[in-house]
Amino acid sequence: MRKKNDLPSKPCAHCGRPMVWRKAWARTWDEVLYCSDRCRQEAKSSRHSEAPKSKA
C-alpha cells in the first residue's frame, strides 16, 4: 500500500490548493483541474463574467 506522501499531487487551477491523487481520478488524472465542485463552479462563473461583451 502506498503512503499519501508517495502519491502524485498538483495545484487546483482555481484556488491553488494542492490536490493529491485519488483512485476515483485514476483514469482522468491528467484532465483533473479543480479540487472540488465549488472551485469548478466558481471558475466557470468567473470565466463568464470576465468574457468581453460584444457590441452589436
N, C-alpha and C. Protein backbone atom coordinates (compact mmCIF):
# COMPACT_ATOMS: atom_id res chain seq x y z
N MET A 1 0.85 -1.19 0.00
CA MET A 1 0.00 0.00 0.00
C MET A 1 0.89 1.24 0.00
N ARG A 2 0.50 2.24 -0.77
CA ARG A 2 1.27 3.48 -0.87
C ARG A 2 0.93 4.43 0.26
N LYS A 3 1.91 5.19 0.64
CA LYS A 3 1.67 6.25 1.62
C LYS A 3 1.18 7.49 0.88
N LYS A 4 0.45 8.33 1.56
CA LYS A 4 -0.11 9.52 0.93
C LYS A 4 0.99 10.43 0.37
N ASN A 5 2.14 10.47 1.02
CA ASN A 5 3.24 11.30 0.54
C ASN A 5 3.81 10.81 -0.78
N ASP A 6 3.61 9.53 -1.10
CA ASP A 6 4.13 8.97 -2.34
C ASP A 6 3.22 9.21 -3.53
N LEU A 7 1.97 9.63 -3.29
CA LEU A 7 1.02 9.83 -4.38
C LEU A 7 1.30 11.15 -5.09
N PRO A 8 1.03 11.21 -6.40
CA PRO A 8 1.24 12.47 -7.13
C PRO A 8 0.26 13.54 -6.67
N SER A 9 0.68 14.79 -6.82
CA SER A 9 -0.20 15.90 -6.46
C SER A 9 0.01 17.03 -7.46
N LYS A 10 -0.95 17.95 -7.51
CA LYS A 10 -0.84 19.14 -8.36
C LYS A 10 -1.77 20.20 -7.80
N PRO A 11 -1.53 21.47 -8.13
CA PRO A 11 -2.35 22.54 -7.57
C PRO A 11 -3.69 22.68 -8.31
N CYS A 12 -4.70 23.11 -7.58
CA CYS A 12 -6.01 23.40 -8.16
C CYS A 12 -5.87 24.62 -9.07
N ALA A 13 -6.52 24.58 -10.23
CA ALA A 13 -6.42 25.68 -11.19
C ALA A 13 -7.13 26.94 -10.71
N HIS A 14 -8.04 26.82 -9.77
CA HIS A 14 -8.80 27.99 -9.29
C HIS A 14 -8.24 28.54 -7.99
N CYS A 15 -8.11 27.70 -6.97
CA CYS A 15 -7.70 28.20 -5.66
C CYS A 15 -6.23 27.97 -5.35
N GLY A 16 -5.57 27.10 -6.08
CA GLY A 16 -4.16 26.85 -5.87
C GLY A 16 -3.84 25.84 -4.78
N ARG A 17 -4.83 25.30 -4.12
CA ARG A 17 -4.58 24.29 -3.08
C ARG A 17 -4.03 23.03 -3.72
N PRO A 18 -3.15 22.33 -3.03
CA PRO A 18 -2.62 21.08 -3.59
C PRO A 18 -3.68 19.97 -3.57
N MET A 19 -3.78 19.26 -4.67
CA MET A 19 -4.69 18.12 -4.76
C MET A 19 -3.84 16.85 -4.82
N VAL A 20 -4.20 15.87 -4.04
CA VAL A 20 -3.50 14.59 -4.03
C VAL A 20 -4.31 13.60 -4.86
N TRP A 21 -3.61 12.77 -5.60
CA TRP A 21 -4.24 11.77 -6.45
C TRP A 21 -5.25 10.94 -5.68
N ARG A 22 -6.40 10.68 -6.31
CA ARG A 22 -7.43 9.82 -5.73
C ARG A 22 -7.72 8.68 -6.70
N LYS A 23 -8.14 7.56 -6.16
CA LYS A 23 -8.43 6.41 -7.01
C LYS A 23 -9.55 6.73 -8.01
N ALA A 24 -10.50 7.56 -7.60
CA ALA A 24 -11.60 7.94 -8.49
C ALA A 24 -11.09 8.72 -9.71
N TRP A 25 -9.92 9.37 -9.57
CA TRP A 25 -9.34 10.14 -10.67
C TRP A 25 -8.29 9.35 -11.45
N ALA A 26 -8.18 8.08 -11.21
CA ALA A 26 -7.11 7.27 -11.81
C ALA A 26 -7.08 7.37 -13.33
N ARG A 27 -8.21 7.31 -13.97
CA ARG A 27 -8.25 7.35 -15.45
C ARG A 27 -8.16 8.76 -16.00
N THR A 28 -8.54 9.75 -15.21
CA THR A 28 -8.61 11.12 -15.73
C THR A 28 -7.69 12.09 -15.00
N TRP A 29 -6.64 11.59 -14.35
CA TRP A 29 -5.78 12.46 -13.54
C TRP A 29 -5.21 13.63 -14.35
N ASP A 30 -4.85 13.41 -15.59
CA ASP A 30 -4.30 14.48 -16.42
C ASP A 30 -5.35 15.55 -16.75
N GLU A 31 -6.62 15.18 -16.72
CA GLU A 31 -7.70 16.10 -17.05
C GLU A 31 -8.26 16.84 -15.84
N VAL A 32 -7.95 16.37 -14.64
CA VAL A 32 -8.47 16.98 -13.42
C VAL A 32 -7.81 18.34 -13.21
N LEU A 33 -8.64 19.39 -13.10
CA LEU A 33 -8.12 20.75 -12.93
C LEU A 33 -8.48 21.35 -11.58
N TYR A 34 -9.63 20.96 -11.03
CA TYR A 34 -10.15 21.61 -9.83
C TYR A 34 -10.25 20.62 -8.68
N CYS A 35 -10.05 21.13 -7.45
CA CYS A 35 -10.06 20.26 -6.28
C CYS A 35 -11.47 19.90 -5.82
N SER A 36 -12.47 20.68 -6.24
CA SER A 36 -13.83 20.43 -5.77
C SER A 36 -14.84 20.96 -6.77
N ASP A 37 -16.09 20.58 -6.57
CA ASP A 37 -17.17 21.10 -7.41
C ASP A 37 -17.30 22.61 -7.23
N ARG A 38 -17.09 23.07 -6.01
CA ARG A 38 -17.19 24.50 -5.74
C ARG A 38 -16.17 25.30 -6.57
N CYS A 39 -14.93 24.83 -6.61
CA CYS A 39 -13.91 25.52 -7.40
C CYS A 39 -14.26 25.48 -8.90
N ARG A 40 -14.77 24.34 -9.36
CA ARG A 40 -15.15 24.23 -10.77
C ARG A 40 -16.25 25.24 -11.11
N GLN A 41 -17.26 25.35 -10.24
CA GLN A 41 -18.36 26.28 -10.49
C GLN A 41 -17.92 27.73 -10.41
N GLU A 42 -17.07 28.06 -9.43
CA GLU A 42 -16.58 29.43 -9.30
C GLU A 42 -15.70 29.82 -10.48
N ALA A 43 -14.88 28.90 -10.94
CA ALA A 43 -14.03 29.18 -12.10
C ALA A 43 -14.88 29.38 -13.34
N LYS A 44 -15.91 28.57 -13.49
CA LYS A 44 -16.80 28.69 -14.64
C LYS A 44 -17.53 30.03 -14.62
N SER A 45 -18.03 30.44 -13.45
CA SER A 45 -18.76 31.71 -13.36
C SER A 45 -17.82 32.90 -13.54
N SER A 46 -16.58 32.79 -13.06
CA SER A 46 -15.65 33.91 -13.24
C SER A 46 -15.20 34.02 -14.69
N ARG A 47 -15.14 32.91 -15.42
CA ARG A 47 -14.79 32.97 -16.85
C ARG A 47 -15.88 33.68 -17.63
N HIS A 48 -17.15 33.42 -17.28
CA HIS A 48 -18.25 34.05 -18.00
C HIS A 48 -18.34 35.54 -17.68
N SER A 49 -18.05 35.93 -16.47
CA SER A 49 -18.14 37.34 -16.09
C SER A 49 -16.97 38.15 -16.65
N GLU A 50 -15.82 37.49 -16.93
CA GLU A 50 -14.66 38.19 -17.47
C GLU A 50 -14.69 38.27 -18.99
N ALA A 51 -15.56 37.51 -19.64
CA ALA A 51 -15.60 37.49 -21.10
C ALA A 51 -16.02 38.87 -21.61
N PRO A 52 -15.31 39.36 -22.63
CA PRO A 52 -15.66 40.67 -23.18
C PRO A 52 -17.03 40.64 -23.85
N LYS A 53 -17.80 41.68 -23.62
CA LYS A 53 -19.13 41.77 -24.20
C LYS A 53 -19.01 42.41 -25.58
N SER A 54 -19.59 41.76 -26.57
CA SER A 54 -19.52 42.29 -27.92
C SER A 54 -20.66 43.26 -28.15
N LYS A 55 -20.36 44.33 -28.86
CA LYS A 55 -21.39 45.31 -29.17
C LYS A 55 -21.98 45.00 -30.53
N ALA A 56 -23.28 44.89 -30.59
CA ALA A 56 -23.94 44.51 -31.85
C ALA A 56 -24.61 45.70 -32.49
